[in-house]
Amino acid sequence: MKKLSCLVVLVALTSPAWADCSYPKAPTKFPNGKTSTKDEMVAAMKVNKTYQGDVTAYLECLKAENEAALAKDAATLTDDQRKALNARYTQKNDAAVDEAQKVADRFNEQVRAFNAKEKK
């Protein structure tokens, strides 16, 4: 019962955190580099850059909200609560970074295909 009470307190402490940080929507597809035009690739590059910038803003927001949550209740947070807040921050941060990397990898794959096509 004591563990359940602690869990409820942790959820209550962490639920307002990250409320203002909007997870950016990743581009769902990029043009096929083997068949696309330069204009299509440039447009895709702009979409990718915008998304990567949105991810950076999201990560900064997460960090600020985590720091604010830790500072707000610094005197009353237990070590377990502090660890839980930091673990949640790390999990959300890492998930966003991983997705941004996957998007960048997909885009770069199409850029390589486009560049190979253009060399021919």
PDB file of N, CA and C in Angstrom:
ATOM      1  N   MET A   1       0.828  -1.191   0.000  1.00  0.00           N
ATOM      2  CA  MET A   1       0.000   0.000   0.000  1.00  0.00           C
ATOM      3  C   MET A   1       0.870   1.253   0.000  1.00  0.00           C
ATOM      4  N   LYS A   2       1.980   1.182   0.727  1.00  0.00           N
ATOM      5  CA  LYS A   2       2.882   2.325   0.807  1.00  0.00           C
ATOM      6  C   LYS A   2       3.484   2.628  -0.572  1.00  0.00           C
ATOM      7  N   LYS A   3       3.841   1.572  -1.309  1.00  0.00           N
ATOM      8  CA  LYS A   3       4.393   1.757  -2.657  1.00  0.00           C
ATOM      9  C   LYS A   3       3.354   2.374  -3.582  1.00  0.00           C
ATOM     10  N   LEU A   4       2.127   1.944  -3.446  1.00  0.00           N
ATOM     11  CA  LEU A   4       1.057   2.496  -4.269  1.00  0.00           C
ATOM     12  C   LEU A   4       0.861   3.979  -3.966  1.00  0.00           C
ATOM     13  N   SER A   5       0.930   4.335  -2.703  1.00  0.00           N
ATOM     14  CA  SER A   5       0.797   5.742  -2.324  1.00  0.00           C
ATOM     15  C   SER A   5       1.928   6.572  -2.915  1.00  0.00           C
ATOM     16  N   CYS A   6       3.126   6.043  -2.884  1.00  0.00           N
ATOM     17  CA  CYS A   6       4.276   6.742  -3.459  1.00  0.00           C
ATOM     18  C   CYS A   6       4.096   6.905  -4.964  1.00  0.00           C
ATOM     19  N   LEU A   7       3.599   5.878  -5.610  1.00  0.00           N
ATOM     20  CA  LEU A   7       3.372   5.933  -7.051  1.00  0.00           C
ATOM     21  C   LEU A   7       2.341   7.001  -7.395  1.00  0.00           C
ATOM     22  N   VAL A   8       1.279   7.081  -6.607  1.00  0.00           N
ATOM     23  CA  VAL A   8       0.245   8.091  -6.838  1.00  0.00           C
ATOM     24  C   VAL A   8       0.832   9.485  -6.676  1.00  0.00           C
ATOM     25  N   VAL A   9       1.667   9.672  -5.660  1.00  0.00           N
ATOM     26  CA  VAL A   9       2.310  10.970  -5.444  1.00  0.00           C
ATOM     27  C   VAL A   9       3.230  11.297  -6.609  1.00  0.00           C
ATOM     28  N   LEU A  10       3.984  10.320  -7.087  1.00  0.00           N
ATOM     29  CA  LEU A  10       4.878  10.557  -8.218  1.00  0.00           C
ATOM     30  C   LEU A  10       4.103  10.957  -9.465  1.00  0.00           C
ATOM     31  N   VAL A  11       3.019  10.281  -9.740  1.00  0.00           N
ATOM     32  CA  VAL A  11       2.207  10.614 -10.902  1.00  0.00           C
ATOM     33  C   VAL A  11       1.637  12.020 -10.752  1.00  0.00           C
ATOM     34  N   ALA A  12       1.195  12.348  -9.576  1.00  0.00           N
ATOM     35  CA  ALA A  12       0.638  13.681  -9.342  1.00  0.00           C
ATOM     36  C   ALA A  12       1.706  14.755  -9.517  1.00  0.00           C
ATOM     37  N   LEU A  13       2.918  14.463  -9.083  1.00  0.00           N
ATOM     38  CA  LEU A  13       3.999  15.436  -9.221  1.00  0.00           C
ATOM     39  C   LEU A  13       4.446  15.604 -10.659  1.00  0.00           C
ATOM     40  N   THR A  14       4.416  14.538 -11.416  1.00  0.00           N
ATOM     41  CA  THR A  14       4.964  14.599 -12.760  1.00  0.00           C
ATOM     42  C   THR A  14       3.934  14.919 -13.828  1.00  0.00           C
ATOM     43  N   SER A  15       2.662  14.777 -13.549  1.00  0.00           N
ATOM     44  CA  SER A  15       1.681  15.006 -14.604  1.00  0.00           C
ATOM     45  C   SER A  15       1.656  16.428 -15.136  1.00  0.00           C
ATOM     46  N   PRO A  16       1.831  17.486 -14.309  1.00  0.00           N
ATOM     47  CA  PRO A  16       1.843  18.820 -14.894  1.00  0.00           C
ATOM     48  C   PRO A  16       3.102  19.089 -15.707  1.00  0.00           C
ATOM     49  N   ALA A  17       4.156  18.394 -15.405  1.00  0.00           N
ATOM     50  CA  ALA A  17       5.396  18.599 -16.147  1.00  0.00           C
ATOM     51  C   ALA A  17       5.219  18.153 -17.578  1.00  0.00           C
ATOM     52  N   TRP A  18       5.862  18.837 -18.458  1.00  0.00           N
ATOM     53  CA  TRP A  18       5.834  18.553 -19.886  1.00  0.00           C
ATOM     54  C   TRP A  18       4.472  18.847 -20.515  1.00  0.00           C
ATOM     55  N   ALA A  19       3.600  19.505 -19.787  1.00  0.00           N
ATOM     56  CA  ALA A  19       2.275  19.793 -20.336  1.00  0.00           C
ATOM     57  C   ALA A  19       2.338  20.806 -21.472  1.00  0.00           C
ATOM     58  N   ASP A  20       3.289  21.712 -21.424  1.00  0.00           N
ATOM     59  CA  ASP A  20       3.374  22.755 -22.442  1.00  0.00           C
ATOM     60  C   ASP A  20       4.272  22.382 -23.613  1.00  0.00           C
ATOM     61  N   CYS A  21       4.960  21.286 -23.541  1.00  0.00           N
ATOM     62  CA  CYS A  21       5.878  20.877 -24.609  1.00  0.00           C
ATOM     63  C   CYS A  21       5.120  20.010 -25.611  1.00  0.00           C
ATOM     64  N   SER A  22       5.007  20.509 -26.813  1.00  0.00           N
ATOM     65  CA  SER A  22       4.294  19.778 -27.859  1.00  0.00           C
ATOM     66  C   SER A  22       5.275  18.936 -28.663  1.00  0.00           C
ATOM     67  N   TYR A  23       5.023  17.641 -28.677  1.00  0.00           N
ATOM     68  CA  TYR A  23       5.880  16.725 -29.424  1.00  0.00           C
ATOM     69  C   TYR A  23       5.719  17.012 -30.916  1.00  0.00           C
ATOM     70  N   PRO A  24       6.818  17.283 -31.603  1.00  0.00           N
ATOM     71  CA  PRO A  24       6.707  17.632 -33.027  1.00  0.00           C
ATOM     72  C   PRO A  24       6.302  16.435 -33.885  1.00  0.00           C
ATOM     73  N   LYS A  25       5.497  16.728 -34.878  1.00  0.00           N
ATOM     74  CA  LYS A  25       5.046  15.677 -35.801  1.00  0.00           C
ATOM     75  C   LYS A  25       6.131  15.465 -36.851  1.00  0.00           C
ATOM     76  N   ALA A  26       6.592  14.246 -36.955  1.00  0.00           N
ATOM     77  CA  ALA A  26       7.641  13.908 -37.917  1.00  0.00           C
ATOM     78  C   ALA A  26       7.071  13.840 -39.329  1.00  0.00           C
ATOM     79  N   PRO A  27       7.876  14.234 -40.316  1.00  0.00           N
ATOM     80  CA  PRO A  27       7.439  14.054 -41.704  1.00  0.00           C
ATOM     81  C   PRO A  27       7.191  12.568 -41.955  1.00  0.00           C
ATOM     82  N   THR A  28       6.106  12.277 -42.634  1.00  0.00           N
ATOM     83  CA  THR A  28       5.767  10.869 -42.838  1.00  0.00           C
ATOM     84  C   THR A  28       6.474  10.274 -44.038  1.00  0.00           C
ATOM     85  N   LYS A  29       6.802  11.128 -45.015  1.00  0.00           N
ATOM     86  CA  LYS A  29       7.510  10.563 -46.154  1.00  0.00           C
ATOM     87  C   LYS A  29       8.298  11.650 -46.871  1.00  0.00           C
ATOM     88  N   PHE A  30       9.349  11.216 -47.506  1.00  0.00           N
ATOM     89  CA  PHE A  30      10.185  12.095 -48.322  1.00  0.00           C
ATOM     90  C   PHE A  30      10.103  11.624 -49.762  1.00  0.00           C
ATOM     91  N   PRO A  31      10.387  12.513 -50.708  1.00  0.00           N
ATOM     92  CA  PRO A  31      10.345  12.081 -52.111  1.00  0.00           C
ATOM     93  C   PRO A  31      11.400  11.008 -52.377  1.00  0.00           C
ATOM     94  N   ASN A  32      11.119  10.169 -53.340  1.00  0.00           N
ATOM     95  CA  ASN A  32      12.056   9.127 -53.737  1.00  0.00           C
ATOM     96  C   ASN A  32      13.231   9.783 -54.451  1.00  0.00           C
ATOM     97  N   GLY A  33      14.399   9.670 -53.887  1.00  0.00           N
ATOM     98  CA  GLY A  33      15.586  10.302 -54.451  1.00  0.00           C
ATOM     99  C   GLY A  33      15.933   9.826 -55.844  1.00  0.00           C
ATOM    100  N   LYS A  34      15.534   8.605 -56.182  1.00  0.00           N
ATOM    101  CA  LYS A  34      15.846   8.053 -57.505  1.00  0.00           C
ATOM    102  C   LYS A  34      15.014   8.689 -58.610  1.00  0.00           C
ATOM    103  N   THR A  35      13.848   9.232 -58.245  1.00  0.00           N
ATOM    104  CA  THR A  35      12.942   9.757 -59.273  1.00  0.00           C
ATOM    105  C   THR A  35      12.561  11.219 -59.064  1.00  0.00           C
ATOM    106  N   SER A  36      12.944  11.816 -57.970  1.00  0.00           N
ATOM    107  CA  SER A  36      12.490  13.172 -57.665  1.00  0.00           C
ATOM    108  C   SER A  36      13.322  14.236 -58.377  1.00  0.00           C
ATOM    109  N   THR A  37      12.740  15.414 -58.442  1.00  0.00           N
ATOM    110  CA  THR A  37      13.438  16.558 -59.031  1.00  0.00           C
ATOM    111  C   THR A  37      14.224  17.280 -57.942  1.00  0.00           C
ATOM    112  N   LYS A  38      15.079  18.181 -58.387  1.00  0.00           N
ATOM    113  CA  LYS A  38      15.859  18.972 -57.431  1.00  0.00           C
ATOM    114  C   LYS A  38      14.919  19.810 -56.565  1.00  0.00           C
ATOM    115  N   ASP A  39      13.894  20.379 -57.157  1.00  0.00           N
ATOM    116  CA  ASP A  39      12.938  21.192 -56.397  1.00  0.00           C
ATOM    117  C   ASP A  39      12.233  20.375 -55.313  1.00  0.00           C
ATOM    118  N   GLU A  40      11.890  19.133 -55.630  1.00  0.00           N
ATOM    119  CA  GLU A  40      11.258  18.267 -54.637  1.00  0.00           C
ATOM    120  C   GLU A  40      12.219  17.955 -53.491  1.00  0.00           C
ATOM    121  N   MET A  41      13.468  17.743 -53.827  1.00  0.00           N
ATOM    122  CA  MET A  41      14.460  17.450 -52.782  1.00  0.00           C
ATOM    123  C   MET A  41      14.727  18.686 -51.921  1.00  0.00           C
ATOM    124  N   VAL A  42      14.764  19.853 -52.534  1.00  0.00           N
ATOM    125  CA  VAL A  42      14.963  21.089 -51.766  1.00  0.00           C
ATOM    126  C   VAL A  42      13.777  21.306 -50.828  1.00  0.00           C
ATOM    127  N   ALA A  43      12.574  21.078 -51.329  1.00  0.00           N
ATOM    128  CA  ALA A  43      11.379  21.214 -50.484  1.00  0.00           C
ATOM    129  C   ALA A  43      11.429  20.224 -49.325  1.00  0.00           C
ATOM    130  N   ALA A  44      11.855  19.014 -49.588  1.00  0.00           N
ATOM    131  CA  ALA A  44      11.970  18.000 -48.536  1.00  0.00           C
ATOM    132  C   ALA A  44      13.032  18.394 -47.521  1.00  0.00           C
ATOM    133  N   MET A  45      14.124  18.994 -48.004  1.00  0.00           N
ATOM    134  CA  MET A  45      15.179  19.449 -47.100  1.00  0.00           C
ATOM    135  C   MET A  45      14.615  20.511 -46.144  1.00  0.00           C
ATOM    136  N   LYS A  46      13.789  21.408 -46.661  1.00  0.00           N
ATOM    137  CA  LYS A  46      13.188  22.452 -45.815  1.00  0.00           C
ATOM    138  C   LYS A  46      12.271  21.838 -44.767  1.00  0.00           C
ATOM    139  N   VAL A  47      11.494  20.851 -45.181  1.00  0.00           N
ATOM    140  CA  VAL A  47      10.608  20.161 -44.238  1.00  0.00           C
ATOM    141  C   VAL A  47      11.439  19.481 -43.147  1.00  0.00           C
ATOM    142  N   ASN A  48      12.517  18.824 -43.543  1.00  0.00           N
ATOM    143  CA  ASN A  48      13.377  18.140 -42.589  1.00  0.00           C
ATOM    144  C   ASN A  48      14.022  19.134 -41.628  1.00  0.00           C
ATOM    145  N   LYS A  49      14.512  20.248 -42.146  1.00  0.00           N
ATOM    146  CA  LYS A  49      15.138  21.256 -41.286  1.00  0.00           C
ATOM    147  C   LYS A  49      14.138  21.838 -40.298  1.00  0.00           C
ATOM    148  N   THR A  50      12.929  22.088 -40.768  1.00  0.00           N
ATOM    149  CA  THR A  50      11.890  22.605 -39.874  1.00  0.00           C
ATOM    150  C   THR A  50      11.599  21.593 -38.767  1.00  0.00           C
ATOM    151  N   TYR A  51      11.466  20.336 -39.153  1.00  0.00           N
ATOM    152  CA  TYR A  51      11.202  19.291 -38.157  1.00  0.00           C
ATOM    153  C   TYR A  51      12.344  19.195 -37.153  1.00  0.00           C
ATOM    154  N   GLN A  52      13.579  19.189 -37.635  1.00  0.00           N
ATOM    155  CA  GLN A  52      14.727  19.089 -36.727  1.00  0.00           C
ATOM    156  C   GLN A  52      14.766  20.289 -35.776  1.00  0.00           C
ATOM    157  N   GLY A  53      14.407  21.464 -36.270  1.00  0.00           N
ATOM    158  CA  GLY A  53      14.328  22.644 -35.405  1.00  0.00           C
ATOM    159  C   GLY A  53      13.219  22.508 -34.373  1.00  0.00           C
ATOM    160  N   ASP A  54      12.097  21.946 -34.793  1.00  0.00           N
ATOM    161  CA  ASP A  54      10.991  21.704 -33.858  1.00  0.00           C
ATOM    162  C   ASP A  54      11.407  20.716 -32.767  1.00  0.00           C
ATOM    163  N   VAL A  55      12.184  19.711 -33.132  1.00  0.00           N
ATOM    164  CA  VAL A  55      12.661  18.744 -32.139  1.00  0.00           C
ATOM    165  C   VAL A  55      13.598  19.444 -31.153  1.00  0.00           C
ATOM    166  N   THR A  56      14.471  20.286 -31.655  1.00  0.00           N
ATOM    167  CA  THR A  56      15.384  21.025 -30.775  1.00  0.00           C
ATOM    168  C   THR A  56      14.592  21.879 -29.790  1.00  0.00           C
ATOM    169  N   ALA A  57      13.569  22.575 -30.279  1.00  0.00           N
ATOM    170  CA  ALA A  57      12.730  23.398 -29.402  1.00  0.00           C
ATOM    171  C   ALA A  57      12.012  22.525 -28.365  1.00  0.00           C
ATOM    172  N   TYR A  58      11.538  21.364 -28.799  1.00  0.00           N
ATOM    173  CA  TYR A  58      10.870  20.436 -27.886  1.00  0.00           C
ATOM    174  C   TYR A  58      11.827  19.967 -26.790  1.00  0.00           C
ATOM    175  N   LEU A  59      13.053  19.631 -27.170  1.00  0.00           N
ATOM    176  CA  LEU A  59      14.034  19.168 -26.185  1.00  0.00           C
ATOM    177  C   LEU A  59      14.365  20.271 -25.190  1.00  0.00           C
ATOM    178  N   GLU A  60      14.479  21.497 -25.679  1.00  0.00           N
ATOM    179  CA  GLU A  60      14.745  22.627 -24.777  1.00  0.00           C
ATOM    180  C   GLU A  60      13.578  22.837 -23.822  1.00  0.00           C
ATOM    181  N   CYS A  61      12.359  22.687 -24.332  1.00  0.00           N
ATOM    182  CA  CYS A  61      11.167  22.812 -23.502  1.00  0.00           C
ATOM    183  C   CYS A  61      11.148  21.728 -22.424  1.00  0.00           C
ATOM    184  N   LEU A  62      11.429  20.497 -22.819  1.00  0.00           N
ATOM    185  CA  LEU A  62      11.469  19.402 -21.839  1.00  0.00           C
ATOM    186  C   LEU A  62      12.472  19.679 -20.734  1.00  0.00           C
ATOM    187  N   LYS A  63      13.638  20.129 -21.141  1.00  0.00           N
ATOM    188  CA  LYS A  63      14.691  20.404 -20.155  1.00  0.00           C
ATOM    189  C   LYS A  63      14.258  21.504 -19.194  1.00  0.00           C
ATOM    190  N   ALA A  64      13.693  22.574 -19.740  1.00  0.00           N
ATOM    191  CA  ALA A  64      13.249  23.686 -18.891  1.00  0.00           C
ATOM    192  C   ALA A  64      12.146  23.247 -17.931  1.00  0.00           C
ATOM    193  N   GLU A  65      11.205  22.470 -18.429  1.00  0.00           N
ATOM    194  CA  GLU A  65      10.124  22.010 -17.564  1.00  0.00           C
ATOM    195  C   GLU A  65      10.623  21.038 -16.500  1.00  0.00           C
ATOM    196  N   ASN A  66      11.574  20.192 -16.853  1.00  0.00           N
ATOM    197  CA  ASN A  66      12.136  19.276 -15.859  1.00  0.00           C
ATOM    198  C   ASN A  66      12.866  20.066 -14.780  1.00  0.00           C
ATOM    199  N   GLU A  67      13.673  21.029 -15.203  1.00  0.00           N
ATOM    200  CA  GLU A  67      14.400  21.845 -14.227  1.00  0.00           C
ATOM    201  C   GLU A  67      13.439  22.631 -13.341  1.00  0.00           C
ATOM    202  N   ALA A  68      12.350  23.144 -13.930  1.00  0.00           N
ATOM    203  CA  ALA A  68      11.359  23.884 -13.156  1.00  0.00           C
ATOM    204  C   ALA A  68      10.659  22.979 -12.143  1.00  0.00           C
ATOM    205  N   ALA A  69      10.330  21.772 -12.575  1.00  0.00           N
ATOM    206  CA  ALA A  69       9.665  20.828 -11.673  1.00  0.00           C
ATOM    207  C   ALA A  69      10.583  20.450 -10.517  1.00  0.00           C
ATOM    208  N   LEU A  70      11.850  20.263 -10.823  1.00  0.00           N
ATOM    209  CA  LEU A  70      12.808  19.928  -9.767  1.00  0.00           C
ATOM    210  C   LEU A  70      13.009  21.105  -8.811  1.00  0.00           C
ATOM    211  N   ALA A  71      13.073  22.311  -9.355  1.00  0.00           N
ATOM    212  CA  ALA A  71      13.311  23.498  -8.526  1.00  0.00           C
ATOM    213  C   ALA A  71      12.083  23.843  -7.678  1.00  0.00           C
ATOM    214  N   LYS A  72      10.899  23.666  -8.262  1.00  0.00           N
ATOM    215  CA  LYS A  72       9.655  24.041  -7.581  1.00  0.00           C
ATOM    216  C   LYS A  72       9.508  23.336  -6.239  1.00  0.00           C
ATOM    217  N   ASP A  73       9.788  22.076  -6.234  1.00  0.00           N
ATOM    218  CA  ASP A  73       9.617  21.277  -5.014  1.00  0.00           C
ATOM    219  C   ASP A  73      10.941  20.740  -4.488  1.00  0.00           C
ATOM    220  N   ALA A  74      12.011  21.468  -4.719  1.00  0.00           N
ATOM    221  CA  ALA A  74      13.342  20.981  -4.360  1.00  0.00           C
ATOM    222  C   ALA A  74      13.447  20.589  -2.891  1.00  0.00           C
ATOM    223  N   ALA A  75      12.824  21.342  -2.033  1.00  0.00           N
ATOM    224  CA  ALA A  75      12.945  21.077  -0.595  1.00  0.00           C
ATOM    225  C   ALA A  75      12.147  19.855  -0.160  1.00  0.00           C
ATOM    226  N   THR A  76      11.112  19.501  -0.915  1.00  0.00           N
ATOM    227  CA  THR A  76      10.252  18.409  -0.463  1.00  0.00           C
ATOM    228  C   THR A  76      10.382  17.132  -1.282  1.00  0.00           C
ATOM    229  N   LEU A  77      11.068  17.186  -2.409  1.00  0.00           N
ATOM    230  CA  LEU A  77      11.213  15.975  -3.230  1.00  0.00           C
ATOM    231  C   LEU A  77      12.123  14.965  -2.556  1.00  0.00           C
ATOM    232  N   THR A  78      11.681  13.728  -2.581  1.00  0.00           N
ATOM    233  CA  THR A  78      12.555  12.664  -2.100  1.00  0.00           C
ATOM    234  C   THR A  78      13.510  12.291  -3.231  1.00  0.00           C
ATOM    235  N   ASP A  79      14.516  11.535  -2.909  1.00  0.00           N
ATOM    236  CA  ASP A  79      15.449  11.079  -3.942  1.00  0.00           C
ATOM    237  C   ASP A  79      14.716  10.255  -5.004  1.00  0.00           C
ATOM    238  N   ASP A  80      13.775   9.419  -4.582  1.00  0.00           N
ATOM    239  CA  ASP A  80      13.021   8.610  -5.539  1.00  0.00           C
ATOM    240  C   ASP A  80      12.172   9.479  -6.465  1.00  0.00           C
ATOM    241  N   GLN A  81      11.568  10.510  -5.929  1.00  0.00           N
ATOM    242  CA  GLN A  81      10.768  11.414  -6.755  1.00  0.00           C
ATOM    243  C   GLN A  81      11.654  12.165  -7.751  1.00  0.00           C
ATOM    244  N   ARG A  82      12.805  12.607  -7.280  1.00  0.00           N
ATOM    245  CA  ARG A  82      13.761  13.305  -8.155  1.00  0.00           C
ATOM    246  C   ARG A  82      14.241  12.377  -9.264  1.00  0.00           C
ATOM    247  N   LYS A  83      14.529  11.145  -8.888  1.00  0.00           N
ATOM    248  CA  LYS A  83      14.957  10.156  -9.881  1.00  0.00           C
ATOM    249  C   LYS A  83      13.850   9.886 -10.892  1.00  0.00           C
ATOM    250  N   ALA A  84      12.607   9.807 -10.421  1.00  0.00           N
ATOM    251  CA  ALA A  84      11.478   9.547 -11.316  1.00  0.00           C
ATOM    252  C   ALA A  84      11.289  10.699 -12.304  1.00  0.00           C
ATOM    253  N   LEU A  85      11.395  11.926 -11.816  1.00  0.00           N
ATOM    254  CA  LEU A  85      11.285  13.082 -12.712  1.00  0.00           C
ATOM    255  C   LEU A  85      12.399  13.063 -13.752  1.00  0.00           C
ATOM    256  N   ASN A  86      13.610  12.801 -13.296  1.00  0.00           N
ATOM    257  CA  ASN A  86      14.739  12.761 -14.226  1.00  0.00           C
ATOM    258  C   ASN A  86      14.636  11.596 -15.199  1.00  0.00           C
ATOM    259  N   ALA A  87      14.128  10.469 -14.743  1.00  0.00           N
ATOM    260  CA  ALA A  87      13.961   9.313 -15.627  1.00  0.00           C
ATOM    261  C   ALA A  87      12.922   9.608 -16.698  1.00  0.00           C
ATOM    262  N   ARG A  88      11.857  10.276 -16.314  1.00  0.00           N
ATOM    263  CA  ARG A  88      10.814  10.623 -17.300  1.00  0.00           C
ATOM    264  C   ARG A  88      11.379  11.607 -18.324  1.00  0.00           C
ATOM    265  N   TYR A  89      12.130  12.589 -17.845  1.00  0.00           N
ATOM    266  CA  TYR A  89      12.757  13.552 -18.751  1.00  0.00           C
ATOM    267  C   TYR A  89      13.693  12.823 -19.724  1.00  0.00           C
ATOM    268  N   THR A  90      14.526  11.959 -19.205  1.00  0.00           N
ATOM    269  CA  THR A  90      15.489  11.230 -20.031  1.00  0.00           C
ATOM    270  C   THR A  90      14.771  10.365 -21.062  1.00  0.00           C
ATOM    271  N   GLN A  91      13.716   9.698 -20.652  1.00  0.00           N
ATOM    272  CA  GLN A  91      12.963   8.833 -21.570  1.00  0.00           C
ATOM    273  C   GLN A  91      12.353   9.657 -22.705  1.00  0.00           C
ATOM    274  N   LYS A  92      11.725  10.770 -22.387  1.00  0.00           N
ATOM    275  CA  LYS A  92      11.106  11.613 -23.421  1.00  0.00           C
ATOM    276  C   LYS A  92      12.171  12.236 -24.322  1.00  0.00           C
ATOM    277  N   ASN A  93      13.269  12.678 -23.727  1.00  0.00           N
ATOM    278  CA  ASN A  93      14.362  13.265 -24.493  1.00  0.00           C
ATOM    279  C   ASN A  93      14.940  12.242 -25.466  1.00  0.00           C
ATOM    280  N   ASP A  94      15.247  11.073 -24.962  1.00  0.00           N
ATOM    281  CA  ASP A  94      15.859  10.037 -25.793  1.00  0.00           C
ATOM    282  C   ASP A  94      14.927   9.578 -26.918  1.00  0.00           C
ATOM    283  N   ALA A  95      13.639   9.473 -26.623  1.00  0.00           N
ATOM    284  CA  ALA A  95      12.677   9.062 -27.652  1.00  0.00           C
ATOM    285  C   ALA A  95      12.625  10.091 -28.775  1.00  0.00           C
ATOM    286  N   ALA A  96      12.632  11.368 -28.420  1.00  0.00           N
ATOM    287  CA  ALA A  96      12.586  12.422 -29.443  1.00  0.00           C
ATOM    288  C   ALA A  96      13.869  12.435 -30.269  1.00  0.00           C
ATOM    289  N   VAL A  97      15.009  12.272 -29.610  1.00  0.00           N
ATOM    290  CA  VAL A  97      16.294  12.244 -30.317  1.00  0.00           C
ATOM    291  C   VAL A  97      16.350  11.040 -31.255  1.00  0.00           C
ATOM    292  N   ASP A  98      15.904   9.896 -30.782  1.00  0.00           N
ATOM    293  CA  ASP A  98      15.914   8.694 -31.618  1.00  0.00           C
ATOM    294  C   ASP A  98      15.027   8.864 -32.851  1.00  0.00           C
ATOM    295  N   GLU A  99      13.838   9.430 -32.653  1.00  0.00           N
ATOM    296  CA  GLU A  99      12.950   9.621 -33.803  1.00  0.00           C
ATOM    297  C   GLU A  99      13.544  10.638 -34.775  1.00  0.00           C
ATOM    298  N   ALA A 100      14.111  11.716 -34.256  1.00  0.00           N
ATOM    299  CA  ALA A 100      14.724  12.726 -35.130  1.00  0.00           C
ATOM    300  C   ALA A 100      15.870  12.116 -35.936  1.00  0.00           C
ATOM    301  N   GLN A 101      16.626  11.229 -35.316  1.00  0.00           N
ATOM    302  CA  GLN A 101      17.720  10.573 -36.028  1.00  0.00           C
ATOM    303  C   GLN A 101      17.185   9.666 -37.130  1.00  0.00           C
ATOM    304  N   LYS A 102      16.107   8.957 -36.845  1.00  0.00           N
ATOM    305  CA  LYS A 102      15.503   8.085 -37.868  1.00  0.00           C
ATOM    306  C   LYS A 102      14.996   8.904 -39.053  1.00  0.00           C
ATOM    307  N   VAL A 103      14.384  10.042 -38.765  1.00  0.00           N
ATOM    308  CA  VAL A 103      13.900  10.918 -39.835  1.00  0.00           C
ATOM    309  C   VAL A 103      15.083  11.426 -40.655  1.00  0.00           C
ATOM    310  N   ALA A 104      16.134  11.870 -39.978  1.00  0.00           N
ATOM    311  CA  ALA A 104      17.320  12.358 -40.687  1.00  0.00           C
ATOM    312  C   ALA A 104      17.936  11.248 -41.533  1.00  0.00           C
ATOM    313  N   ASP A 105      17.979  10.047 -41.006  1.00  0.00           N
ATOM    314  CA  ASP A 105      18.534   8.917 -41.760  1.00  0.00           C
ATOM    315  C   ASP A 105      17.706   8.628 -43.009  1.00  0.00           C
ATOM    316  N   ARG A 106      16.361   8.664 -42.865  1.00  0.00           N
ATOM    317  CA  ARG A 106      15.491   8.430 -44.028  1.00  0.00           C
ATOM    318  C   ARG A 106      15.706   9.502 -45.092  1.00  0.00           C
ATOM    319  N   PHE A 107      15.788  10.749 -44.656  1.00  0.00           N
ATOM    320  CA  PHE A 107      16.003  11.827 -45.607  1.00  0.00           C
ATOM    321  C   PHE A 107      17.371  11.680 -46.275  1.00  0.00           C
ATOM    322  N   ASN A 108      18.402  11.424 -45.494  1.00  0.00           N
ATOM    323  CA  ASN A 108      19.749  11.289 -46.055  1.00  0.00           C
ATOM    324  C   ASN A 108      19.851  10.127 -47.032  1.00  0.00           C
ATOM    325  N   GLU A 109      19.100   9.080 -46.799  1.00  0.00           N
ATOM    326  CA  GLU A 109      19.071   7.951 -47.733  1.00  0.00           C
ATOM    327  C   GLU A 109      18.553   8.418 -49.097  1.00  0.00           C
ATOM    328  N   GLN A 110      17.514   9.241 -49.090  1.00  0.00           N
ATOM    329  CA  GLN A 110      16.964   9.756 -50.344  1.00  0.00           C
ATOM    330  C   GLN A 110      17.910  10.777 -50.994  1.00  0.00           C
ATOM    331  N   VAL A 111      18.615  11.534 -50.191  1.00  0.00           N
ATOM    332  CA  VAL A 111      19.608  12.479 -50.735  1.00  0.00           C
ATOM    333  C   VAL A 111      20.721  11.706 -51.443  1.00  0.00           C
ATOM    334  N   ARG A 112      21.182  10.632 -50.824  1.00  0.00           N
ATOM    335  CA  ARG A 112      22.227   9.817 -51.452  1.00  0.00           C
ATOM    336  C   ARG A 112      21.724   9.230 -52.775  1.00  0.00           C
ATOM    337  N   ALA A 113      20.483   8.760 -52.780  1.00  0.00           N
ATOM    338  CA  ALA A 113      19.909   8.203 -54.015  1.00  0.00           C
ATOM    339  C   ALA A 113      19.798   9.293 -55.074  1.00  0.00           C
ATOM    340  N   PHE A 114      19.382  10.485 -54.672  1.00  0.00           N
ATOM    341  CA  PHE A 114      19.265  11.603 -55.609  1.00  0.00           C
ATOM    342  C   PHE A 114      20.631  11.964 -56.175  1.00  0.00           C
ATOM    343  N   ASN A 115      21.624  12.060 -55.306  1.00  0.00           N
ATOM    344  CA  ASN A 115      22.973  12.423 -55.748  1.00  0.00           C
ATOM    345  C   ASN A 115      23.557  11.364 -56.682  1.00  0.00           C
ATOM    346  N   ALA A 116      23.299  10.105 -56.404  1.00  0.00           N
ATOM    347  CA  ALA A 116      23.777   9.031 -57.277  1.00  0.00           C
ATOM    348  C   ALA A 116      23.115   9.129 -58.636  1.00  0.00           C
ATOM    349  N   LYS A 117      21.840   9.454 -58.673  1.00  0.00           N
ATOM    350  CA  LYS A 117      21.098   9.606 -59.928  1.00  0.00           C
ATOM    351  C   LYS A 117      21.677  10.787 -60.732  1.00  0.00           C
ATOM    352  N   GLU A 118      21.992  11.861 -60.060  1.00  0.00           N
ATOM    353  CA  GLU A 118      22.486  13.076 -60.723  1.00  0.00           C
ATOM    354  C   GLU A 118      23.899  12.884 -61.289  1.00  0.00           C
ATOM    355  N   LYS A 119      24.676  12.002 -60.697  1.00  0.00           N
ATOM    356  CA  LYS A 119      26.050  11.749 -61.187  1.00  0.00           C
ATOM    357  C   LYS A 119      26.055  10.974 -62.480  1.00  0.00           C
ATOM    358  N   LYS A 120      24.985  10.261 -62.766  1.00  0.00           N
ATOM    359  CA  LYS A 120      24.931   9.413 -63.963  1.00  0.00           C
ATOM    360  C   LYS A 120      24.785  10.235 -65.203  1.00  0.00           C
TER     361      LYS A 120
END
